[in-house]
Amino acid sequence: MKLVVAIVHSEDAGALVDALLEREFRATRLHSSGGFLKQTNATVIVGVEEEQVDEVIQVVAEQCHARTQVVNPMPPIMEPGEFYLPYPVEVEMGGAVVFVLPVERFVRL
């Protein structure tokens, strides 16, 4: 048994969970936030048999798409006399980061 953990953009999470449920994969969605941009995202957790891992990853790839967004960087902590010009920066957001972990034991109560 494997545990698939997918960290996805919050805009993609609803469609991902729906697509997983259509294919009869039970999924748990947790709200989370990223450290770099402090943006809201979601962590979707799915427990599956080893032979189903590729199918779950395929569903994630179909539902979670990268996009670019212009953001204003957070100003650094500045010392007196320093000068800071905040310029918007274009960053890639979305897509997914997927981890596949071994499960030693699974019990449904």
PDB file of N, CA and C in Angstrom:
ATOM      1  N   MET A   1       0.851  -1.176   0.000  1.00  0.00           N
ATOM      2  CA  MET A   1       0.000   0.000   0.000  1.00  0.00           C
ATOM      3  C   MET A   1       0.889   1.229   0.000  1.00  0.00           C
ATOM      4  N   LYS A   2       0.408   2.312  -0.656  1.00  0.00           N
ATOM      5  CA  LYS A   2       1.149   3.564  -0.756  1.00  0.00           C
ATOM      6  C   LYS A   2       0.255   4.728  -0.336  1.00  0.00           C
ATOM      7  N   LEU A   3       0.887   5.775   0.167  1.00  0.00           N
ATOM      8  CA  LEU A   3       0.203   7.017   0.490  1.00  0.00           C
ATOM      9  C   LEU A   3       0.692   8.068  -0.494  1.00  0.00           C
ATOM     10  N   VAL A   4      -0.232   8.595  -1.308  1.00  0.00           N
ATOM     11  CA  VAL A   4       0.094   9.635  -2.284  1.00  0.00           C
ATOM     12  C   VAL A   4      -0.302  10.968  -1.665  1.00  0.00           C
ATOM     13  N   VAL A   5       0.667  11.868  -1.540  1.00  0.00           N
ATOM     14  CA  VAL A   5       0.451  13.193  -0.975  1.00  0.00           C
ATOM     15  C   VAL A   5       0.719  14.197  -2.084  1.00  0.00           C
ATOM     16  N   ALA A   6      -0.320  14.934  -2.486  1.00  0.00           N
ATOM     17  CA  ALA A   6      -0.187  15.925  -3.556  1.00  0.00           C
ATOM     18  C   ALA A   6      -0.438  17.314  -2.988  1.00  0.00           C
ATOM     19  N   ILE A   7       0.540  18.193  -3.146  1.00  0.00           N
ATOM     20  CA  ILE A   7       0.379  19.589  -2.732  1.00  0.00           C
ATOM     21  C   ILE A   7       0.045  20.370  -3.995  1.00  0.00           C
ATOM     22  N   VAL A   8      -1.156  20.974  -4.007  1.00  0.00           N
ATOM     23  CA  VAL A   8      -1.676  21.603  -5.224  1.00  0.00           C
ATOM     24  C   VAL A   8      -2.184  23.005  -4.913  1.00  0.00           C
ATOM     25  N   HIS A   9      -2.367  23.797  -5.953  1.00  0.00           N
ATOM     26  CA  HIS A   9      -2.925  25.142  -5.803  1.00  0.00           C
ATOM     27  C   HIS A   9      -4.376  25.019  -5.364  1.00  0.00           C
ATOM     28  N   SER A  10      -4.818  25.909  -4.507  1.00  0.00           N
ATOM     29  CA  SER A  10      -6.181  25.822  -3.976  1.00  0.00           C
ATOM     30  C   SER A  10      -7.239  25.895  -5.080  1.00  0.00           C
ATOM     31  N   GLU A  11      -6.944  26.587  -6.189  1.00  0.00           N
ATOM     32  CA  GLU A  11      -7.912  26.659  -7.296  1.00  0.00           C
ATOM     33  C   GLU A  11      -8.106  25.309  -7.983  1.00  0.00           C
ATOM     34  N   ASP A  12      -7.107  24.428  -7.905  1.00  0.00           N
ATOM     35  CA  ASP A  12      -7.187  23.117  -8.557  1.00  0.00           C
ATOM     36  C   ASP A  12      -7.704  22.022  -7.632  1.00  0.00           C
ATOM     37  N   ALA A  13      -7.721  22.264  -6.338  1.00  0.00           N
ATOM     38  CA  ALA A  13      -7.996  21.206  -5.359  1.00  0.00           C
ATOM     39  C   ALA A  13      -9.396  20.625  -5.489  1.00  0.00           C
ATOM     40  N   GLY A  14     -10.401  21.471  -5.677  1.00  0.00           N
ATOM     41  CA  GLY A  14     -11.773  20.966  -5.784  1.00  0.00           C
ATOM     42  C   GLY A  14     -11.964  20.039  -6.971  1.00  0.00           C
ATOM     43  N   ALA A  15     -11.460  20.451  -8.125  1.00  0.00           N
ATOM     44  CA  ALA A  15     -11.573  19.615  -9.329  1.00  0.00           C
ATOM     45  C   ALA A  15     -10.778  18.328  -9.173  1.00  0.00           C
ATOM     46  N   LEU A  16      -9.633  18.405  -8.502  1.00  0.00           N
ATOM     47  CA  LEU A  16      -8.831  17.201  -8.287  1.00  0.00           C
ATOM     48  C   LEU A  16      -9.569  16.199  -7.412  1.00  0.00           C
ATOM     49  N   VAL A  17     -10.113  16.649  -6.299  1.00  0.00           N
ATOM     50  CA  VAL A  17     -10.839  15.741  -5.406  1.00  0.00           C
ATOM     51  C   VAL A  17     -12.044  15.144  -6.130  1.00  0.00           C
ATOM     52  N   ASP A  18     -12.771  15.961  -6.901  1.00  0.00           N
ATOM     53  CA  ASP A  18     -13.916  15.441  -7.665  1.00  0.00           C
ATOM     54  C   ASP A  18     -13.480  14.365  -8.654  1.00  0.00           C
ATOM     55  N   ALA A  19     -12.382  14.606  -9.375  1.00  0.00           N
ATOM     56  CA  ALA A  19     -11.895  13.634 -10.358  1.00  0.00           C
ATOM     57  C   ALA A  19     -11.437  12.347  -9.682  1.00  0.00           C
ATOM     58  N   LEU A  20     -10.806  12.461  -8.521  1.00  0.00           N
ATOM     59  CA  LEU A  20     -10.399  11.261  -7.792  1.00  0.00           C
ATOM     60  C   LEU A  20     -11.614  10.463  -7.326  1.00  0.00           C
ATOM     61  N   LEU A  21     -12.635  11.159  -6.824  1.00  0.00           N
ATOM     62  CA  LEU A  21     -13.846  10.473  -6.367  1.00  0.00           C
ATOM     63  C   LEU A  21     -14.588   9.802  -7.519  1.00  0.00           C
ATOM     64  N   GLU A  22     -14.580  10.430  -8.708  1.00  0.00           N
ATOM     65  CA  GLU A  22     -15.214   9.811  -9.895  1.00  0.00           C
ATOM     66  C   GLU A  22     -14.570   8.472 -10.216  1.00  0.00           C
ATOM     67  N   ARG A  23     -13.270   8.364  -9.969  1.00  0.00           N
ATOM     68  CA  ARG A  23     -12.546   7.111 -10.247  1.00  0.00           C
ATOM     69  C   ARG A  23     -12.484   6.223  -9.011  1.00  0.00           C
ATOM     70  N   GLU A  24     -13.296   6.563  -8.007  1.00  0.00           N
ATOM     71  CA  GLU A  24     -13.460   5.783  -6.788  1.00  0.00           C
ATOM     72  C   GLU A  24     -12.209   5.706  -5.921  1.00  0.00           C
ATOM     73  N   PHE A  25     -11.407   6.773  -5.945  1.00  0.00           N
ATOM     74  CA  PHE A  25     -10.305   6.916  -4.997  1.00  0.00           C
ATOM     75  C   PHE A  25     -10.791   7.797  -3.861  1.00  0.00           C
ATOM     76  N   ARG A  26     -10.626   7.333  -2.636  1.00  0.00           N
ATOM     77  CA  ARG A  26     -10.990   8.153  -1.479  1.00  0.00           C
ATOM     78  C   ARG A  26      -9.862   9.139  -1.225  1.00  0.00           C
ATOM     79  N   ALA A  27     -10.214  10.387  -1.054  1.00  0.00           N
ATOM     80  CA  ALA A  27      -9.203  11.424  -0.878  1.00  0.00           C
ATOM     81  C   ALA A  27      -9.556  12.308   0.309  1.00  0.00           C
ATOM     82  N   THR A  28      -8.530  12.808   0.967  1.00  0.00           N
ATOM     83  CA  THR A  28      -8.690  13.764   2.055  1.00  0.00           C
ATOM     84  C   THR A  28      -8.003  15.051   1.645  1.00  0.00           C
ATOM     85  N   ARG A  29      -8.707  16.176   1.792  1.00  0.00           N
ATOM     86  CA  ARG A  29      -8.162  17.485   1.421  1.00  0.00           C
ATOM     87  C   ARG A  29      -7.874  18.274   2.692  1.00  0.00           C
ATOM     88  N   LEU A  30      -6.663  18.770   2.806  1.00  0.00           N
ATOM     89  CA  LEU A  30      -6.249  19.603   3.929  1.00  0.00           C
ATOM     90  C   LEU A  30      -5.859  20.973   3.400  1.00  0.00           C
ATOM     91  N   HIS A  31      -6.301  22.018   4.073  1.00  0.00           N
ATOM     92  CA  HIS A  31      -5.897  23.365   3.680  1.00  0.00           C
ATOM     93  C   HIS A  31      -4.499  23.623   4.232  1.00  0.00           C
ATOM     94  N   SER A  32      -3.654  24.216   3.406  1.00  0.00           N
ATOM     95  CA  SER A  32      -2.287  24.512   3.824  1.00  0.00           C
ATOM     96  C   SER A  32      -1.831  25.789   3.136  1.00  0.00           C
ATOM     97  N   SER A  33      -0.646  26.244   3.473  1.00  0.00           N
ATOM     98  CA  SER A  33      -0.118  27.429   2.805  1.00  0.00           C
ATOM     99  C   SER A  33       1.364  27.236   2.550  1.00  0.00           C
ATOM    100  N   GLY A  34       1.817  27.820   1.446  1.00  0.00           N
ATOM    101  CA  GLY A  34       3.210  27.679   1.054  1.00  0.00           C
ATOM    102  C   GLY A  34       4.104  28.646   1.806  1.00  0.00           C
ATOM    103  N   GLY A  35       5.352  28.308   1.902  1.00  0.00           N
ATOM    104  CA  GLY A  35       6.285  29.144   2.617  1.00  0.00           C
ATOM    105  C   GLY A  35       6.846  30.282   1.776  1.00  0.00           C
ATOM    106  N   PHE A  36       6.996  30.088   0.461  1.00  0.00           N
ATOM    107  CA  PHE A  36       7.650  31.089  -0.374  1.00  0.00           C
ATOM    108  C   PHE A  36       6.766  32.305  -0.603  1.00  0.00           C
ATOM    109  N   LEU A  37       5.558  32.106  -1.121  1.00  0.00           N
ATOM    110  CA  LEU A  37       4.672  33.226  -1.432  1.00  0.00           C
ATOM    111  C   LEU A  37       3.561  33.405  -0.412  1.00  0.00           C
ATOM    112  N   LYS A  38       3.506  32.546   0.587  1.00  0.00           N
ATOM    113  CA  LYS A  38       2.460  32.593   1.608  1.00  0.00           C
ATOM    114  C   LYS A  38       1.069  32.453   0.987  1.00  0.00           C
ATOM    115  N   GLN A  39       0.989  31.743  -0.136  1.00  0.00           N
ATOM    116  CA  GLN A  39      -0.276  31.547  -0.833  1.00  0.00           C
ATOM    117  C   GLN A  39      -0.994  30.321  -0.269  1.00  0.00           C
ATOM    118  N   THR A  40      -2.311  30.355  -0.344  1.00  0.00           N
ATOM    119  CA  THR A  40      -3.105  29.217   0.097  1.00  0.00           C
ATOM    120  C   THR A  40      -2.985  28.096  -0.932  1.00  0.00           C
ATOM    121  N   ASN A  41      -2.774  26.880  -0.445  1.00  0.00           N
ATOM    122  CA  ASN A  41      -2.818  25.716  -1.313  1.00  0.00           C
ATOM    123  C   ASN A  41      -3.533  24.604  -0.566  1.00  0.00           C
ATOM    124  N   ALA A  42      -3.527  23.441  -1.144  1.00  0.00           N
ATOM    125  CA  ALA A  42      -4.202  22.308  -0.518  1.00  0.00           C
ATOM    126  C   ALA A  42      -3.297  21.091  -0.590  1.00  0.00           C
ATOM    127  N   THR A  43      -3.383  20.257   0.413  1.00  0.00           N
ATOM    128  CA  THR A  43      -2.688  18.980   0.417  1.00  0.00           C
ATOM    129  C   THR A  43      -3.749  17.897   0.307  1.00  0.00           C
ATOM    130  N   VAL A  44      -3.665  17.096  -0.749  1.00  0.00           N
ATOM    131  CA  VAL A  44      -4.629  16.022  -0.997  1.00  0.00           C
ATOM    132  C   VAL A  44      -3.921  14.704  -0.728  1.00  0.00           C
ATOM    133  N   ILE A  45      -4.520  13.898   0.142  1.00  0.00           N
ATOM    134  CA  ILE A  45      -3.925  12.639   0.566  1.00  0.00           C
ATOM    135  C   ILE A  45      -4.795  11.487   0.082  1.00  0.00           C
ATOM    136  N   VAL A  46      -4.150  10.499  -0.559  1.00  0.00           N
ATOM    137  CA  VAL A  46      -4.880   9.341  -1.100  1.00  0.00           C
ATOM    138  C   VAL A  46      -4.101   8.079  -0.752  1.00  0.00           C
ATOM    139  N   GLY A  47      -4.752   7.118  -0.142  1.00  0.00           N
ATOM    140  CA  GLY A  47      -4.154   5.817   0.117  1.00  0.00           C
ATOM    141  C   GLY A  47      -4.596   4.841  -0.948  1.00  0.00           C
ATOM    142  N   VAL A  48      -3.622   4.218  -1.644  1.00  0.00           N
ATOM    143  CA  VAL A  48      -3.948   3.306  -2.741  1.00  0.00           C
ATOM    144  C   VAL A  48      -3.002   2.107  -2.740  1.00  0.00           C
ATOM    145  N   GLU A  49      -3.404   1.101  -3.477  1.00  0.00           N
ATOM    146  CA  GLU A  49      -2.512  -0.038  -3.704  1.00  0.00           C
ATOM    147  C   GLU A  49      -1.399   0.413  -4.653  1.00  0.00           C
ATOM    148  N   GLU A  50      -0.274  -0.264  -4.599  1.00  0.00           N
ATOM    149  CA  GLU A  50       0.901   0.147  -5.377  1.00  0.00           C
ATOM    150  C   GLU A  50       0.619   0.233  -6.878  1.00  0.00           C
ATOM    151  N   GLU A  51      -0.187  -0.667  -7.398  1.00  0.00           N
ATOM    152  CA  GLU A  51      -0.470  -0.657  -8.837  1.00  0.00           C
ATOM    153  C   GLU A  51      -1.390   0.498  -9.262  1.00  0.00           C
ATOM    154  N   GLN A  52      -1.992   1.203  -8.309  1.00  0.00           N
ATOM    155  CA  GLN A  52      -2.870   2.339  -8.618  1.00  0.00           C
ATOM    156  C   GLN A  52      -2.171   3.691  -8.542  1.00  0.00           C
ATOM    157  N   VAL A  53      -0.923   3.719  -8.106  1.00  0.00           N
ATOM    158  CA  VAL A  53      -0.204   4.981  -7.905  1.00  0.00           C
ATOM    159  C   VAL A  53      -0.107   5.772  -9.206  1.00  0.00           C
ATOM    160  N   ASP A  54       0.256   5.125 -10.303  1.00  0.00           N
ATOM    161  CA  ASP A  54       0.400   5.838 -11.579  1.00  0.00           C
ATOM    162  C   ASP A  54      -0.915   6.454 -12.037  1.00  0.00           C
ATOM    163  N   GLU A  55      -2.028   5.775 -11.803  1.00  0.00           N
ATOM    164  CA  GLU A  55      -3.332   6.321 -12.175  1.00  0.00           C
ATOM    165  C   GLU A  55      -3.659   7.569 -11.357  1.00  0.00           C
ATOM    166  N   VAL A  56      -3.354   7.548 -10.066  1.00  0.00           N
ATOM    167  CA  VAL A  56      -3.591   8.721  -9.220  1.00  0.00           C
ATOM    168  C   VAL A  56      -2.722   9.890  -9.691  1.00  0.00           C
ATOM    169  N   ILE A  57      -1.457   9.622  -9.984  1.00  0.00           N
ATOM    170  CA  ILE A  57      -0.568  10.684 -10.463  1.00  0.00           C
ATOM    171  C   ILE A  57      -1.064  11.240 -11.798  1.00  0.00           C
ATOM    172  N   GLN A  58      -1.613  10.393 -12.645  1.00  0.00           N
ATOM    173  CA  GLN A  58      -2.168  10.853 -13.919  1.00  0.00           C
ATOM    174  C   GLN A  58      -3.354  11.790 -13.685  1.00  0.00           C
ATOM    175  N   VAL A  59      -4.226  11.467 -12.742  1.00  0.00           N
ATOM    176  CA  VAL A  59      -5.366  12.335 -12.413  1.00  0.00           C
ATOM    177  C   VAL A  59      -4.862  13.684 -11.902  1.00  0.00           C
ATOM    178  N   VAL A  60      -3.846  13.661 -11.055  1.00  0.00           N
ATOM    179  CA  VAL A  60      -3.271  14.913 -10.555  1.00  0.00           C
ATOM    180  C   VAL A  60      -2.730  15.745 -11.714  1.00  0.00           C
ATOM    181  N   ALA A  61      -2.013  15.114 -12.622  1.00  0.00           N
ATOM    182  CA  ALA A  61      -1.445  15.827 -13.774  1.00  0.00           C
ATOM    183  C   ALA A  61      -2.532  16.425 -14.666  1.00  0.00           C
ATOM    184  N   GLU A  62      -3.646  15.730 -14.814  1.00  0.00           N
ATOM    185  CA  GLU A  62      -4.749  16.225 -15.650  1.00  0.00           C
ATOM    186  C   GLU A  62      -5.461  17.416 -15.019  1.00  0.00           C
ATOM    187  N   GLN A  63      -5.536  17.457 -13.706  1.00  0.00           N
ATOM    188  CA  GLN A  63      -6.348  18.466 -13.025  1.00  0.00           C
ATOM    189  C   GLN A  63      -5.566  19.673 -12.502  1.00  0.00           C
ATOM    190  N   CYS A  64      -4.266  19.554 -12.333  1.00  0.00           N
ATOM    191  CA  CYS A  64      -3.478  20.611 -11.691  1.00  0.00           C
ATOM    192  C   CYS A  64      -2.515  21.222 -12.699  1.00  0.00           C
ATOM    193  N   HIS A  65      -2.753  22.473 -13.029  1.00  0.00           N
ATOM    194  CA  HIS A  65      -1.995  23.135 -14.079  1.00  0.00           C
ATOM    195  C   HIS A  65      -1.199  24.307 -13.525  1.00  0.00           C
ATOM    196  N   ALA A  66       0.014  24.469 -14.041  1.00  0.00           N
ATOM    197  CA  ALA A  66       0.849  25.606 -13.658  1.00  0.00           C
ATOM    198  C   ALA A  66       0.319  26.860 -14.340  1.00  0.00           C
ATOM    199  N   ARG A  67       0.494  27.989 -13.681  1.00  0.00           N
ATOM    200  CA  ARG A  67       0.084  29.282 -14.231  1.00  0.00           C
ATOM    201  C   ARG A  67       1.065  30.326 -13.746  1.00  0.00           C
ATOM    202  N   THR A  68       1.171  31.422 -14.473  1.00  0.00           N
ATOM    203  CA  THR A  68       2.050  32.500 -14.016  1.00  0.00           C
ATOM    204  C   THR A  68       1.208  33.594 -13.389  1.00  0.00           C
ATOM    205  N   GLN A  69       1.792  34.268 -12.415  1.00  0.00           N
ATOM    206  CA  GLN A  69       1.099  35.339 -11.714  1.00  0.00           C
ATOM    207  C   GLN A  69       2.133  36.389 -11.322  1.00  0.00           C
ATOM    208  N   VAL A  70       1.725  37.643 -11.395  1.00  0.00           N
ATOM    209  CA  VAL A  70       2.597  38.734 -10.988  1.00  0.00           C
ATOM    210  C   VAL A  70       2.319  39.041  -9.523  1.00  0.00           C
ATOM    211  N   VAL A  71       3.374  39.029  -8.712  1.00  0.00           N
ATOM    212  CA  VAL A  71       3.225  39.292  -7.277  1.00  0.00           C
ATOM    213  C   VAL A  71       4.210  40.374  -6.865  1.00  0.00           C
ATOM    214  N   ASN A  72       3.853  41.093  -5.821  1.00  0.00           N
ATOM    215  CA  ASN A  72       4.769  42.058  -5.222  1.00  0.00           C
ATOM    216  C   ASN A  72       5.532  41.353  -4.116  1.00  0.00           C
ATOM    217  N   PRO A  73       6.856  41.382  -4.164  1.00  0.00           N
ATOM    218  CA  PRO A  73       7.617  40.698  -3.123  1.00  0.00           C
ATOM    219  C   PRO A  73       7.440  41.379  -1.774  1.00  0.00           C
ATOM    220  N   MET A  74       7.582  40.598  -0.721  1.00  0.00           N
ATOM    221  CA  MET A  74       7.500  41.141   0.632  1.00  0.00           C
ATOM    222  C   MET A  74       8.753  41.971   0.890  1.00  0.00           C
ATOM    223  N   PRO A  75       8.610  43.175   1.450  1.00  0.00           N
ATOM    224  CA  PRO A  75       9.812  43.980   1.727  1.00  0.00           C
ATOM    225  C   PRO A  75      10.646  43.329   2.827  1.00  0.00           C
ATOM    226  N   PRO A  76      11.958  43.347   2.654  1.00  0.00           N
ATOM    227  CA  PRO A  76      12.809  42.764   3.701  1.00  0.00           C
ATOM    228  C   PRO A  76      12.847  43.675   4.914  1.00  0.00           C
ATOM    229  N   ILE A  77      13.299  43.132   6.015  1.00  0.00           N
ATOM    230  CA  ILE A  77      13.522  43.962   7.201  1.00  0.00           C
ATOM    231  C   ILE A  77      14.719  44.849   6.876  1.00  0.00           C
ATOM    232  N   MET A  78      14.508  46.136   6.964  1.00  0.00           N
ATOM    233  CA  MET A  78      15.527  47.059   6.491  1.00  0.00           C
ATOM    234  C   MET A  78      16.185  47.799   7.646  1.00  0.00           C
ATOM    235  N   GLU A  79      17.423  48.115   7.419  1.00  0.00           N
ATOM    236  CA  GLU A  79      18.182  48.930   8.360  1.00  0.00           C
ATOM    237  C   GLU A  79      17.937  50.401   8.020  1.00  0.00           C
ATOM    238  N   PRO A  80      18.072  51.309   8.971  1.00  0.00           N
ATOM    239  CA  PRO A  80      17.907  52.732   8.669  1.00  0.00           C
ATOM    240  C   PRO A  80      18.865  53.172   7.560  1.00  0.00           C
ATOM    241  N   GLY A  81      18.339  53.933   6.627  1.00  0.00           N
ATOM    242  CA  GLY A  81      19.141  54.439   5.522  1.00  0.00           C
ATOM    243  C   GLY A  81      19.129  53.561   4.287  1.00  0.00           C
ATOM    244  N   GLU A  82      18.589  52.335   4.373  1.00  0.00           N
ATOM    245  CA  GLU A  82      18.518  51.472   3.194  1.00  0.00           C
ATOM    246  C   GLU A  82      17.351  51.902   2.331  1.00  0.00           C
ATOM    247  N   PHE A  83      17.459  51.602   1.047  1.00  0.00           N
ATOM    248  CA  PHE A  83      16.438  51.989   0.076  1.00  0.00           C
ATOM    249  C   PHE A  83      15.887  50.730  -0.580  1.00  0.00           C
ATOM    250  N   TYR A  84      14.570  50.590  -0.623  1.00  0.00           N
ATOM    251  CA  TYR A  84      13.930  49.389  -1.189  1.00  0.00           C
ATOM    252  C   TYR A  84      12.900  49.811  -2.214  1.00  0.00           C
ATOM    253  N   LEU A  85      13.042  49.288  -3.435  1.00  0.00           N
ATOM    254  CA  LEU A  85      12.051  49.532  -4.488  1.00  0.00           C
ATOM    255  C   LEU A  85      11.332  48.215  -4.771  1.00  0.00           C
ATOM    256  N   PRO A  86      10.067  48.101  -4.423  1.00  0.00           N
ATOM    257  CA  PRO A  86       9.356  46.849  -4.706  1.00  0.00           C
ATOM    258  C   PRO A  86       8.929  46.786  -6.173  1.00  0.00           C
ATOM    259  N   TYR A  87       9.494  45.869  -6.904  1.00  0.00           N
ATOM    260  CA  TYR A  87       9.110  45.641  -8.287  1.00  0.00           C
ATOM    261  C   TYR A  87       8.297  44.359  -8.354  1.00  0.00           C
ATOM    262  N   PRO A  88       7.186  44.379  -9.081  1.00  0.00           N
ATOM    263  CA  PRO A  88       6.428  43.132  -9.241  1.00  0.00           C
ATOM    264  C   PRO A  88       7.288  42.074  -9.939  1.00  0.00           C
ATOM    265  N   VAL A  89       7.101  40.848  -9.528  1.00  0.00           N
ATOM    266  CA  VAL A  89       7.857  39.726 -10.067  1.00  0.00           C
ATOM    267  C   VAL A  89       6.869  38.704 -10.606  1.00  0.00           C
ATOM    268  N   GLU A  90       7.158  38.162 -11.782  1.00  0.00           N
ATOM    269  CA  GLU A  90       6.304  37.112 -12.349  1.00  0.00           C
ATOM    270  C   GLU A  90       6.832  35.766 -11.865  1.00  0.00           C
ATOM    271  N   VAL A  91       5.943  34.976 -11.264  1.00  0.00           N
ATOM    272  CA  VAL A  91       6.320  33.664 -10.743  1.00  0.00           C
ATOM    273  C   VAL A  91       5.366  32.608 -11.292  1.00  0.00           C
ATOM    274  N   GLU A  92       5.862  31.379 -11.354  1.00  0.00           N
ATOM    275  CA  GLU A  92       5.012  30.263 -11.771  1.00  0.00           C
ATOM    276  C   GLU A  92       4.363  29.671 -10.537  1.00  0.00           C
ATOM    277  N   MET A  93       3.050  29.495 -10.600  1.00  0.00           N
ATOM    278  CA  MET A  93       2.284  28.945  -9.483  1.00  0.00           C
ATOM    279  C   MET A  93       1.465  27.773  -9.991  1.00  0.00           C
ATOM    280  N   GLY A  94       0.960  27.016  -9.081  1.00  0.00           N
ATOM    281  CA  GLY A  94       0.083  25.915  -9.456  1.00  0.00           C
ATOM    282  C   GLY A  94       0.874  24.658  -9.755  1.00  0.00           C
ATOM    283  N   GLY A  95       0.289  23.819 -10.585  1.00  0.00           N
ATOM    284  CA  GLY A  95       0.907  22.526 -10.807  1.00  0.00           C
ATOM    285  C   GLY A  95       0.711  21.669  -9.570  1.00  0.00           C
ATOM    286  N   ALA A  96       1.635  20.777  -9.333  1.00  0.00           N
ATOM    287  CA  ALA A  96       1.529  19.911  -8.162  1.00  0.00           C
ATOM    288  C   ALA A  96       2.906  19.392  -7.780  1.00  0.00           C
ATOM    289  N   VAL A  97       3.055  19.131  -6.508  1.00  0.00           N
ATOM    290  CA  VAL A  97       4.207  18.404  -5.995  1.00  0.00           C
ATOM    291  C   VAL A  97       3.632  17.137  -5.379  1.00  0.00           C
ATOM    292  N   VAL A  98       4.119  15.986  -5.822  1.00  0.00           N
ATOM    293  CA  VAL A  98       3.546  14.715  -5.394  1.00  0.00           C
ATOM    294  C   VAL A  98       4.617  13.870  -4.700  1.00  0.00           C
ATOM    295  N   PHE A  99       4.258  13.365  -3.528  1.00  0.00           N
ATOM    296  CA  PHE A  99       5.111  12.446  -2.790  1.00  0.00           C
ATOM    297  C   PHE A  99       4.394  11.100  -2.723  1.00  0.00           C
ATOM    298  N   VAL A 100       5.122  10.012  -2.900  1.00  0.00           N
ATOM    299  CA  VAL A 100       4.574   8.663  -2.755  1.00  0.00           C
ATOM    300  C   VAL A 100       5.348   7.997  -1.631  1.00  0.00           C
ATOM    301  N   LEU A 101       4.616   7.631  -0.573  1.00  0.00           N
ATOM    302  CA  LEU A 101       5.234   7.079   0.628  1.00  0.00           C
ATOM    303  C   LEU A 101       4.739   5.659   0.889  1.00  0.00           C
ATOM    304  N   PRO A 102       5.603   4.814   1.387  1.00  0.00           N
ATOM    305  CA  PRO A 102       5.156   3.454   1.744  1.00  0.00           C
ATOM    306  C   PRO A 102       4.282   3.499   2.999  1.00  0.00           C
ATOM    307  N   VAL A 103       3.296   2.622   3.042  1.00  0.00           N
ATOM    308  CA  VAL A 103       2.419   2.504   4.208  1.00  0.00           C
ATOM    309  C   VAL A 103       2.684   1.154   4.841  1.00  0.00           C
ATOM    310  N   GLU A 104       3.096   1.175   6.074  1.00  0.00           N
ATOM    311  CA  GLU A 104       3.386  -0.064   6.774  1.00  0.00           C
ATOM    312  C   GLU A 104       2.129  -0.785   7.205  1.00  0.00           C
ATOM    313  N   ARG A 105       1.113   0.007   7.582  1.00  0.00           N
ATOM    314  CA  ARG A 105      -0.128  -0.604   8.071  1.00  0.00           C
ATOM    315  C   ARG A 105      -1.281   0.328   7.764  1.00  0.00           C
ATOM    316  N   PHE A 106      -2.420  -0.241   7.370  1.00  0.00           N
ATOM    317  CA  PHE A 106      -3.621   0.519   7.081  1.00  0.00           C
ATOM    318  C   PHE A 106      -4.788  -0.142   7.792  1.00  0.00           C
ATOM    319  N   VAL A 107      -5.547   0.646   8.552  1.00  0.00           N
ATOM    320  CA  VAL A 107      -6.708   0.123   9.274  1.00  0.00           C
ATOM    321  C   VAL A 107      -7.856   1.103   9.077  1.00  0.00           C
ATOM    322  N   ARG A 108      -9.006   0.612   8.630  1.00  0.00           N
ATOM    323  CA  ARG A 108     -10.199   1.448   8.525  1.00  0.00           C
ATOM    324  C   ARG A 108     -11.144   1.027   9.626  1.00  0.00           C
ATOM    325  N   LEU A 109     -11.514   1.962  10.489  1.00  0.00           N
ATOM    326  CA  LEU A 109     -12.383   1.655  11.617  1.00  0.00           C
ATOM    327  C   LEU A 109     -13.777   2.250  11.423  1.00  0.00           C
TER     328      LEU A 109
END
